[in-house]
């Protein structure tokens, strides 16, 4: 599994992933988009000084994307996100491995102090992957997302560099 910068042709993957109701079932804020919109998004995020964004390649194909977003360089914290869009790659540990690489980059390369994330509370697989990488519960946004006719809570997690460093020592 490798992380790499996004390319123009990756926009087609996003169009397909975000059009798939099963892939997006836990996303409360993202709707299917046209190809040109995804191309614009990838260009914009690639030029951003407050975001680091990668595509996830495994099994000879692009399976998802991850990023470190809204980087606050003064306060040394950021928000993370991930999508594994290829359903045949779910449950194989790619999210856990990706989160490990992403968290390491945040602390070792970007010198951040804290990394934060939010996950639909009904997505236990993502939460487990985050917890394996040192993220701890810091709260819940109750009834935060309205998805397919129902309100859903969002689990809030954070990991501090000091906690992550201890985890690396075993």
N, C-alpha and C. Protein backbone atom coordinates (compact mmCIF):
# COMPACT_ATOMS: atom_id res chain seq x y z
N UNK A 1 0.84 -1.17 0.00
CA UNK A 1 0.00 0.00 0.00
C UNK A 1 0.89 1.24 0.00
N UNK A 2 0.54 2.21 -0.84
CA UNK A 2 1.31 3.45 -0.91
C UNK A 2 0.38 4.65 -0.95
N UNK A 3 0.90 5.77 -0.50
CA UNK A 3 0.21 7.06 -0.61
C UNK A 3 0.94 7.86 -1.67
N UNK A 4 0.18 8.56 -2.51
CA UNK A 4 0.78 9.37 -3.57
C UNK A 4 -0.07 10.62 -3.78
N UNK A 5 0.52 11.65 -4.38
CA UNK A 5 -0.27 12.85 -4.70
C UNK A 5 -1.37 12.52 -5.70
N UNK A 6 -2.43 13.29 -5.66
CA UNK A 6 -3.54 13.10 -6.60
C UNK A 6 -3.14 13.56 -8.00
N UNK A 7 -3.72 12.91 -8.99
CA UNK A 7 -3.54 13.29 -10.39
C UNK A 7 -4.91 13.61 -10.98
N UNK A 8 -4.93 14.28 -12.12
CA UNK A 8 -6.19 14.65 -12.77
C UNK A 8 -7.11 13.46 -12.97
N UNK A 9 -6.55 12.34 -13.39
CA UNK A 9 -7.38 11.17 -13.69
C UNK A 9 -8.04 10.58 -12.44
N UNK A 10 -7.58 10.96 -11.25
CA UNK A 10 -8.20 10.46 -10.02
C UNK A 10 -9.61 11.03 -9.82
N UNK A 11 -9.90 12.13 -10.47
CA UNK A 11 -11.23 12.73 -10.34
C UNK A 11 -12.33 11.75 -10.73
N UNK A 12 -12.06 10.93 -11.73
CA UNK A 12 -13.06 9.94 -12.16
C UNK A 12 -13.39 8.96 -11.05
N UNK A 13 -12.40 8.60 -10.25
CA UNK A 13 -12.64 7.70 -9.11
C UNK A 13 -13.60 8.35 -8.11
N UNK A 14 -13.36 9.62 -7.81
CA UNK A 14 -14.22 10.31 -6.85
C UNK A 14 -15.66 10.38 -7.34
N UNK A 15 -15.83 10.65 -8.62
CA UNK A 15 -17.19 10.69 -9.18
C UNK A 15 -17.88 9.35 -8.94
N UNK A 16 -17.18 8.26 -9.22
CA UNK A 16 -17.76 6.92 -9.03
C UNK A 16 -18.02 6.63 -7.56
N UNK A 17 -17.05 6.93 -6.70
CA UNK A 17 -17.22 6.64 -5.27
C UNK A 17 -18.37 7.42 -4.67
N UNK A 18 -18.44 8.71 -4.98
CA UNK A 18 -19.48 9.54 -4.36
C UNK A 18 -20.85 9.33 -4.96
N UNK A 19 -20.93 8.62 -6.07
CA UNK A 19 -22.22 8.25 -6.64
C UNK A 19 -22.73 6.93 -6.06
N UNK A 20 -21.90 6.25 -5.30
CA UNK A 20 -22.24 4.94 -4.73
C UNK A 20 -22.80 5.13 -3.32
N UNK A 21 -24.07 4.81 -3.15
CA UNK A 21 -24.75 5.01 -1.86
C UNK A 21 -24.11 4.20 -0.73
N UNK A 22 -23.57 3.04 -1.04
CA UNK A 22 -22.95 2.22 0.00
C UNK A 22 -21.62 2.84 0.46
N UNK A 23 -20.85 3.34 -0.48
CA UNK A 23 -19.57 3.97 -0.14
C UNK A 23 -19.79 5.22 0.70
N UNK A 24 -20.83 5.98 0.41
CA UNK A 24 -21.06 7.26 1.09
C UNK A 24 -22.06 7.18 2.23
N UNK A 25 -22.43 6.00 2.66
CA UNK A 25 -23.50 5.87 3.65
C UNK A 25 -23.20 6.56 4.97
N UNK A 26 -21.93 6.78 5.31
CA UNK A 26 -21.60 7.44 6.57
C UNK A 26 -21.23 8.91 6.39
N UNK A 27 -21.27 9.40 5.17
CA UNK A 27 -20.90 10.79 4.92
C UNK A 27 -22.13 11.67 4.94
N UNK A 28 -22.16 12.64 5.82
CA UNK A 28 -23.32 13.52 5.91
C UNK A 28 -23.19 14.79 5.11
N UNK A 29 -22.02 15.05 4.56
CA UNK A 29 -21.77 16.35 3.94
C UNK A 29 -21.30 16.27 2.50
N UNK A 30 -21.25 15.10 1.91
CA UNK A 30 -20.71 15.01 0.56
C UNK A 30 -21.73 14.41 -0.38
N UNK A 31 -21.97 15.08 -1.46
CA UNK A 31 -22.92 14.61 -2.46
C UNK A 31 -22.17 14.28 -3.75
N UNK A 32 -22.80 13.49 -4.59
CA UNK A 32 -22.21 13.16 -5.89
C UNK A 32 -21.91 14.44 -6.66
N UNK A 33 -20.79 14.45 -7.35
CA UNK A 33 -20.38 15.65 -8.08
C UNK A 33 -20.04 15.28 -9.51
N UNK A 34 -20.02 16.29 -10.34
CA UNK A 34 -19.62 16.11 -11.74
C UNK A 34 -18.10 16.02 -11.83
N UNK A 35 -17.63 15.47 -12.93
CA UNK A 35 -16.20 15.28 -13.13
C UNK A 35 -15.44 16.60 -13.01
N UNK A 36 -15.95 17.66 -13.62
CA UNK A 36 -15.23 18.94 -13.56
C UNK A 36 -15.12 19.45 -12.13
N UNK A 37 -16.13 19.19 -11.29
CA UNK A 37 -16.09 19.62 -9.89
C UNK A 37 -15.00 18.88 -9.12
N UNK A 38 -14.89 17.59 -9.36
CA UNK A 38 -13.85 16.81 -8.70
C UNK A 38 -12.47 17.22 -9.19
N UNK A 39 -12.34 17.53 -10.48
CA UNK A 39 -11.06 18.00 -11.01
C UNK A 39 -10.66 19.32 -10.36
N UNK A 40 -11.63 20.23 -10.21
CA UNK A 40 -11.36 21.51 -9.55
C UNK A 40 -10.96 21.30 -8.09
N UNK A 41 -11.65 20.39 -7.40
CA UNK A 41 -11.34 20.10 -6.00
C UNK A 41 -9.91 19.58 -5.87
N UNK A 42 -9.53 18.62 -6.70
CA UNK A 42 -8.19 18.06 -6.62
C UNK A 42 -7.12 19.10 -6.93
N UNK A 43 -7.39 19.98 -7.88
CA UNK A 43 -6.44 21.06 -8.20
C UNK A 43 -6.30 22.01 -7.02
N UNK A 44 -7.45 22.41 -6.46
CA UNK A 44 -7.44 23.35 -5.34
C UNK A 44 -6.72 22.77 -4.12
N UNK A 45 -7.04 21.53 -3.78
CA UNK A 45 -6.43 20.94 -2.58
C UNK A 45 -4.94 20.68 -2.81
N UNK A 46 -4.56 20.40 -4.04
CA UNK A 46 -3.16 20.19 -4.36
C UNK A 46 -2.32 21.45 -4.22
N UNK A 47 -2.95 22.60 -4.36
CA UNK A 47 -2.26 23.89 -4.26
C UNK A 47 -2.37 24.50 -2.86
N UNK A 48 -3.17 23.90 -2.00
CA UNK A 48 -3.44 24.45 -0.68
C UNK A 48 -2.22 24.41 0.24
N UNK A 49 -2.06 25.45 1.03
CA UNK A 49 -1.02 25.50 2.06
C UNK A 49 -1.53 24.95 3.39
N UNK A 50 -2.83 24.64 3.45
CA UNK A 50 -3.43 24.16 4.69
C UNK A 50 -3.90 22.72 4.60
N UNK A 51 -3.54 22.05 3.53
CA UNK A 51 -3.97 20.67 3.32
C UNK A 51 -2.83 19.85 2.73
N UNK A 52 -2.79 18.58 3.13
CA UNK A 52 -1.93 17.58 2.50
C UNK A 52 -2.87 16.46 2.10
N UNK A 53 -2.80 16.03 0.85
CA UNK A 53 -3.80 15.10 0.32
C UNK A 53 -3.11 14.02 -0.49
N UNK A 54 -3.52 12.77 -0.24
CA UNK A 54 -2.95 11.64 -0.97
C UNK A 54 -4.04 10.72 -1.49
N UNK A 55 -3.70 10.03 -2.54
CA UNK A 55 -4.49 8.90 -3.02
C UNK A 55 -3.86 7.65 -2.41
N UNK A 56 -4.69 6.65 -2.16
CA UNK A 56 -4.23 5.39 -1.58
C UNK A 56 -4.22 4.34 -2.70
N UNK A 57 -3.06 3.78 -2.97
CA UNK A 57 -2.93 2.73 -3.97
C UNK A 57 -2.62 1.40 -3.28
N UNK A 58 -3.33 0.36 -3.69
CA UNK A 58 -3.10 -1.00 -3.18
C UNK A 58 -3.69 -1.98 -4.18
N UNK A 59 -3.20 -3.18 -4.16
CA UNK A 59 -3.72 -4.23 -5.04
C UNK A 59 -3.70 -3.81 -6.52
N UNK A 60 -2.72 -2.96 -6.87
CA UNK A 60 -2.58 -2.55 -8.26
C UNK A 60 -3.57 -1.51 -8.74
N UNK A 61 -4.26 -0.84 -7.81
CA UNK A 61 -5.24 0.17 -8.22
C UNK A 61 -5.36 1.23 -7.13
N UNK A 62 -6.06 2.30 -7.46
CA UNK A 62 -6.36 3.34 -6.49
C UNK A 62 -7.61 2.93 -5.73
N UNK A 63 -7.48 2.84 -4.40
CA UNK A 63 -8.59 2.34 -3.59
C UNK A 63 -9.25 3.40 -2.72
N UNK A 64 -8.60 4.56 -2.57
CA UNK A 64 -9.18 5.58 -1.70
C UNK A 64 -8.33 6.83 -1.66
N UNK A 65 -8.63 7.65 -0.66
CA UNK A 65 -7.91 8.91 -0.48
C UNK A 65 -7.90 9.27 0.99
N UNK A 66 -6.90 10.04 1.38
CA UNK A 66 -6.81 10.50 2.76
C UNK A 66 -6.13 11.86 2.77
N UNK A 67 -6.30 12.58 3.86
CA UNK A 67 -5.68 13.88 3.93
C UNK A 67 -5.58 14.42 5.34
N UNK A 68 -4.77 15.44 5.44
CA UNK A 68 -4.63 16.25 6.65
C UNK A 68 -5.11 17.63 6.24
N UNK A 69 -6.15 18.11 6.89
CA UNK A 69 -6.85 19.30 6.42
C UNK A 69 -6.91 20.41 7.47
N UNK A 70 -7.17 21.60 6.97
CA UNK A 70 -7.32 22.78 7.84
C UNK A 70 -6.15 22.88 8.82
N UNK A 71 -4.95 22.73 8.30
CA UNK A 71 -3.77 22.79 9.16
C UNK A 71 -3.64 24.19 9.74
N UNK A 72 -3.58 24.26 11.06
CA UNK A 72 -3.33 25.52 11.76
C UNK A 72 -1.86 25.48 12.17
N UNK A 73 -1.03 26.18 11.43
CA UNK A 73 0.41 26.11 11.64
C UNK A 73 0.82 26.73 12.96
N UNK A 74 0.10 27.73 13.46
CA UNK A 74 0.45 28.35 14.74
C UNK A 74 0.05 27.48 15.92
N UNK A 75 -1.16 26.94 15.89
CA UNK A 75 -1.64 26.09 16.98
C UNK A 75 -1.17 24.64 16.82
N UNK A 76 -0.60 24.32 15.68
CA UNK A 76 -0.03 23.00 15.40
C UNK A 76 -1.05 21.87 15.51
N UNK A 77 -2.21 22.07 14.90
CA UNK A 77 -3.19 20.99 14.84
C UNK A 77 -3.89 20.99 13.50
N UNK A 78 -4.57 19.87 13.21
CA UNK A 78 -5.26 19.71 11.93
C UNK A 78 -6.35 18.66 12.08
N UNK A 79 -7.16 18.55 11.03
CA UNK A 79 -8.25 17.58 10.97
C UNK A 79 -7.90 16.56 9.88
N UNK A 80 -8.27 15.31 10.09
CA UNK A 80 -7.98 14.28 9.09
C UNK A 80 -9.25 13.68 8.53
N UNK A 81 -9.10 13.03 7.39
CA UNK A 81 -10.21 12.33 6.77
C UNK A 81 -9.69 11.21 5.88
N UNK A 82 -10.57 10.26 5.60
CA UNK A 82 -10.20 9.12 4.76
C UNK A 82 -11.45 8.57 4.09
N UNK A 83 -11.27 8.04 2.90
CA UNK A 83 -12.32 7.25 2.25
C UNK A 83 -11.64 6.07 1.56
N UNK A 84 -12.17 4.90 1.82
CA UNK A 84 -11.79 3.71 1.05
C UNK A 84 -12.97 3.49 0.11
N UNK A 85 -12.80 3.88 -1.13
CA UNK A 85 -13.91 3.87 -2.08
C UNK A 85 -14.12 2.55 -2.79
N UNK A 86 -13.10 1.72 -2.81
CA UNK A 86 -13.21 0.41 -3.47
C UNK A 86 -13.71 -0.61 -2.45
N UNK A 87 -14.94 -1.02 -2.60
CA UNK A 87 -15.58 -1.89 -1.61
C UNK A 87 -14.89 -3.24 -1.45
N UNK A 88 -14.25 -3.74 -2.51
CA UNK A 88 -13.56 -5.02 -2.38
C UNK A 88 -12.29 -4.90 -1.54
N UNK A 89 -11.95 -3.69 -1.12
CA UNK A 89 -10.78 -3.46 -0.27
C UNK A 89 -11.18 -3.16 1.18
N UNK A 90 -12.46 -3.17 1.47
CA UNK A 90 -12.91 -2.96 2.85
C UNK A 90 -12.53 -4.16 3.71
N UNK A 91 -12.23 -3.89 4.97
CA UNK A 91 -11.95 -4.96 5.92
C UNK A 91 -10.60 -5.63 5.76
N UNK A 92 -9.71 -5.04 5.00
CA UNK A 92 -8.39 -5.63 4.76
C UNK A 92 -7.27 -4.90 5.49
N UNK A 93 -7.61 -3.93 6.33
CA UNK A 93 -6.60 -3.21 7.09
C UNK A 93 -6.00 -2.01 6.40
N UNK A 94 -6.48 -1.68 5.21
CA UNK A 94 -5.90 -0.54 4.49
C UNK A 94 -6.16 0.79 5.20
N UNK A 95 -7.32 0.94 5.80
CA UNK A 95 -7.61 2.19 6.52
C UNK A 95 -6.68 2.33 7.72
N UNK A 96 -6.49 1.26 8.47
CA UNK A 96 -5.59 1.30 9.63
C UNK A 96 -4.17 1.64 9.20
N UNK A 97 -3.69 1.00 8.15
CA UNK A 97 -2.34 1.26 7.65
C UNK A 97 -2.20 2.68 7.12
N UNK A 98 -3.22 3.15 6.42
CA UNK A 98 -3.20 4.52 5.90
C UNK A 98 -3.17 5.52 7.04
N UNK A 99 -4.00 5.30 8.05
CA UNK A 99 -4.03 6.21 9.19
C UNK A 99 -2.69 6.23 9.92
N UNK A 100 -2.01 5.10 9.99
CA UNK A 100 -0.69 5.05 10.62
C UNK A 100 0.31 5.92 9.85
N UNK A 101 0.33 5.79 8.52
CA UNK A 101 1.24 6.60 7.71
C UNK A 101 0.89 8.08 7.79
N UNK A 102 -0.41 8.38 7.74
CA UNK A 102 -0.87 9.77 7.79
C UNK A 102 -0.53 10.41 9.14
N UNK A 103 -0.75 9.69 10.23
CA UNK A 103 -0.48 10.23 11.56
C UNK A 103 1.02 10.44 11.75
N UNK A 104 1.80 9.49 11.29
CA UNK A 104 3.26 9.63 11.36
C UNK A 104 3.71 10.88 10.60
N UNK A 105 3.18 11.10 9.42
CA UNK A 105 3.52 12.27 8.62
C UNK A 105 3.13 13.56 9.36
N UNK A 106 1.95 13.56 9.95
CA UNK A 106 1.47 14.75 10.66
C UNK A 106 2.42 15.15 11.79
N UNK A 107 2.89 14.16 12.53
CA UNK A 107 3.75 14.46 13.68
C UNK A 107 5.23 14.60 13.31
N UNK A 108 5.71 13.75 12.44
CA UNK A 108 7.14 13.75 12.14
C UNK A 108 7.53 14.75 11.06
N UNK A 109 6.68 14.94 10.06
CA UNK A 109 7.03 15.83 8.95
C UNK A 109 6.43 17.23 9.10
N UNK A 110 5.19 17.30 9.56
CA UNK A 110 4.53 18.60 9.71
C UNK A 110 4.74 19.19 11.09
N UNK A 111 5.26 18.39 12.01
CA UNK A 111 5.52 18.84 13.38
C UNK A 111 4.26 19.33 14.09
N UNK A 112 3.15 18.66 13.85
CA UNK A 112 1.91 19.02 14.52
C UNK A 112 1.91 18.50 15.95
N UNK A 113 1.12 19.13 16.79
CA UNK A 113 0.97 18.74 18.19
C UNK A 113 -0.24 17.83 18.38
N UNK A 114 -1.29 18.06 17.58
CA UNK A 114 -2.54 17.31 17.75
C UNK A 114 -3.19 17.10 16.40
N UNK A 115 -3.79 15.91 16.25
CA UNK A 115 -4.54 15.58 15.05
C UNK A 115 -5.94 15.18 15.49
N UNK A 116 -6.94 15.74 14.81
CA UNK A 116 -8.34 15.52 15.18
C UNK A 116 -9.09 14.86 14.03
N UNK A 117 -10.20 14.22 14.37
CA UNK A 117 -11.04 13.62 13.35
C UNK A 117 -12.47 13.51 13.84
N UNK A 118 -13.38 13.29 12.91
CA UNK A 118 -14.79 13.03 13.22
C UNK A 118 -15.24 11.85 12.38
N UNK A 119 -16.04 10.97 12.98
CA UNK A 119 -16.52 9.78 12.29
C UNK A 119 -17.98 9.58 12.65
N UNK A 120 -18.78 9.18 11.68
CA UNK A 120 -20.16 8.82 11.98
C UNK A 120 -20.13 7.76 13.07
N UNK A 121 -20.91 7.97 14.13
CA UNK A 121 -20.89 7.07 15.28
C UNK A 121 -21.33 5.66 14.93
N UNK A 122 -21.99 5.49 13.79
CA UNK A 122 -22.43 4.17 13.37
C UNK A 122 -21.42 3.49 12.44
N UNK A 123 -20.20 4.03 12.39
CA UNK A 123 -19.13 3.46 11.57
C UNK A 123 -18.03 2.89 12.47
N UNK A 124 -18.28 1.72 13.06
CA UNK A 124 -17.32 1.17 14.02
C UNK A 124 -15.98 0.80 13.40
N UNK A 125 -15.94 0.44 12.13
CA UNK A 125 -14.68 0.06 11.50
C UNK A 125 -13.70 1.23 11.47
N UNK A 126 -14.19 2.41 11.10
CA UNK A 126 -13.31 3.59 11.08
C UNK A 126 -12.84 3.94 12.48
N UNK A 127 -13.73 3.86 13.42
CA UNK A 127 -13.36 4.20 14.80
C UNK A 127 -12.29 3.23 15.31
N UNK A 128 -12.44 1.94 15.05
CA UNK A 128 -11.43 0.96 15.48
C UNK A 128 -10.07 1.26 14.85
N UNK A 129 -10.08 1.58 13.56
CA UNK A 129 -8.82 1.89 12.88
C UNK A 129 -8.15 3.11 13.50
N UNK A 130 -8.94 4.11 13.84
CA UNK A 130 -8.40 5.30 14.49
C UNK A 130 -7.84 4.98 15.87
N UNK A 131 -8.59 4.21 16.65
CA UNK A 131 -8.15 3.86 18.00
C UNK A 131 -6.86 3.04 17.97
N UNK A 132 -6.68 2.20 16.97
CA UNK A 132 -5.43 1.44 16.83
C UNK A 132 -4.25 2.37 16.60
N UNK A 133 -4.53 3.57 16.10
CA UNK A 133 -3.49 4.56 15.83
C UNK A 133 -3.40 5.63 16.91
N UNK A 134 -4.00 5.36 18.06
CA UNK A 134 -3.84 6.25 19.21
C UNK A 134 -4.91 7.28 19.42
N UNK A 135 -5.88 7.39 18.53
CA UNK A 135 -6.95 8.37 18.70
C UNK A 135 -7.82 7.97 19.88
N UNK A 136 -8.22 8.97 20.67
CA UNK A 136 -9.08 8.74 21.83
C UNK A 136 -10.35 9.57 21.71
N UNK A 137 -11.39 9.07 22.33
CA UNK A 137 -12.67 9.78 22.33
C UNK A 137 -12.53 11.09 23.10
N UNK A 138 -12.98 12.18 22.48
CA UNK A 138 -13.02 13.46 23.18
C UNK A 138 -14.43 14.02 23.22
N UNK A 139 -15.36 13.37 22.54
CA UNK A 139 -16.73 13.84 22.59
C UNK A 139 -17.58 13.28 21.48
N UNK A 140 -18.81 13.75 21.45
CA UNK A 140 -19.78 13.34 20.44
C UNK A 140 -20.57 14.57 20.03
N UNK A 141 -20.70 14.79 18.74
CA UNK A 141 -21.66 15.77 18.22
C UNK A 141 -22.97 15.00 18.07
N UNK A 142 -23.91 15.28 18.94
CA UNK A 142 -25.17 14.54 18.92
C UNK A 142 -26.03 14.99 17.76
N UNK A 143 -26.66 14.01 17.10
CA UNK A 143 -27.56 14.25 15.97
C UNK A 143 -27.00 15.33 15.04
N UNK A 144 -25.82 15.10 14.57
CA UNK A 144 -25.07 16.10 13.81
C UNK A 144 -25.33 16.03 12.30
N UNK A 145 -25.53 14.83 11.78
CA UNK A 145 -25.72 14.65 10.35
C UNK A 145 -27.10 14.07 10.07
N UNK A 146 -27.76 14.62 9.06
CA UNK A 146 -29.05 14.08 8.62
C UNK A 146 -28.79 13.28 7.36
N UNK A 147 -28.84 11.96 7.49
CA UNK A 147 -28.50 11.06 6.39
C UNK A 147 -29.66 10.12 6.14
N UNK A 148 -30.15 10.14 4.92
CA UNK A 148 -31.22 9.25 4.49
C UNK A 148 -32.39 9.22 5.47
N UNK A 149 -32.79 10.41 5.89
CA UNK A 149 -34.00 10.54 6.69
C UNK A 149 -33.83 10.36 8.19
N UNK A 150 -32.58 10.23 8.68
CA UNK A 150 -32.36 10.04 10.11
C UNK A 150 -31.18 10.88 10.59
N UNK A 151 -31.25 11.29 11.86
CA UNK A 151 -30.14 12.01 12.47
C UNK A 151 -29.11 11.02 12.99
N UNK A 152 -27.83 11.38 12.84
CA UNK A 152 -26.73 10.52 13.27
C UNK A 152 -25.73 11.33 14.09
N UNK A 153 -25.21 10.70 15.15
CA UNK A 153 -24.16 11.31 15.96
C UNK A 153 -22.82 11.19 15.23
N UNK A 154 -21.89 12.08 15.61
CA UNK A 154 -20.51 12.01 15.10
C UNK A 154 -19.57 11.84 16.29
N UNK A 155 -18.74 10.80 16.22
CA UNK A 155 -17.71 10.54 17.23
C UNK A 155 -16.53 11.46 16.97
N UNK A 156 -16.03 12.10 18.01
CA UNK A 156 -14.89 13.01 17.90
C UNK A 156 -13.67 12.36 18.52
N UNK A 157 -12.60 12.29 17.78
CA UNK A 157 -11.37 11.68 18.29
C UNK A 157 -10.17 12.59 18.06
N UNK A 158 -9.20 12.44 18.92
CA UNK A 158 -7.96 13.20 18.82
C UNK A 158 -6.80 12.32 19.25
N UNK A 159 -5.63 12.65 18.75
CA UNK A 159 -4.40 12.04 19.23
C UNK A 159 -3.36 13.15 19.36
N UNK A 160 -2.69 13.18 20.50
CA UNK A 160 -1.60 14.12 20.73
C UNK A 160 -0.29 13.47 20.33
N UNK A 161 0.65 14.29 19.90
CA UNK A 161 1.94 13.73 19.50
C UNK A 161 2.57 12.94 20.64
N UNK A 162 2.50 13.44 21.88
CA UNK A 162 3.10 12.73 23.01
C UNK A 162 2.47 11.35 23.21
N UNK A 163 1.16 11.24 23.03
CA UNK A 163 0.48 9.94 23.15
C UNK A 163 0.90 9.01 22.02
N UNK A 164 0.97 9.56 20.83
CA UNK A 164 1.36 8.77 19.67
C UNK A 164 2.79 8.26 19.80
N UNK A 165 3.69 9.12 20.29
CA UNK A 165 5.09 8.71 20.48
C UNK A 165 5.18 7.54 21.46
N UNK A 166 4.41 7.59 22.55
CA UNK A 166 4.39 6.47 23.50
C UNK A 166 3.91 5.19 22.84
N UNK A 167 2.90 5.30 22.02
CA UNK A 167 2.36 4.14 21.31
C UNK A 167 3.41 3.53 20.38
N UNK A 168 4.25 4.38 19.78
CA UNK A 168 5.29 3.90 18.87
C UNK A 168 6.38 3.12 19.61
N UNK A 169 6.58 3.46 20.88
CA UNK A 169 7.60 2.77 21.68
C UNK A 169 7.13 1.39 22.13
N UNK A 170 5.83 1.16 21.99
CA UNK A 170 5.28 -0.16 22.30
C UNK A 170 4.84 -0.25 23.70
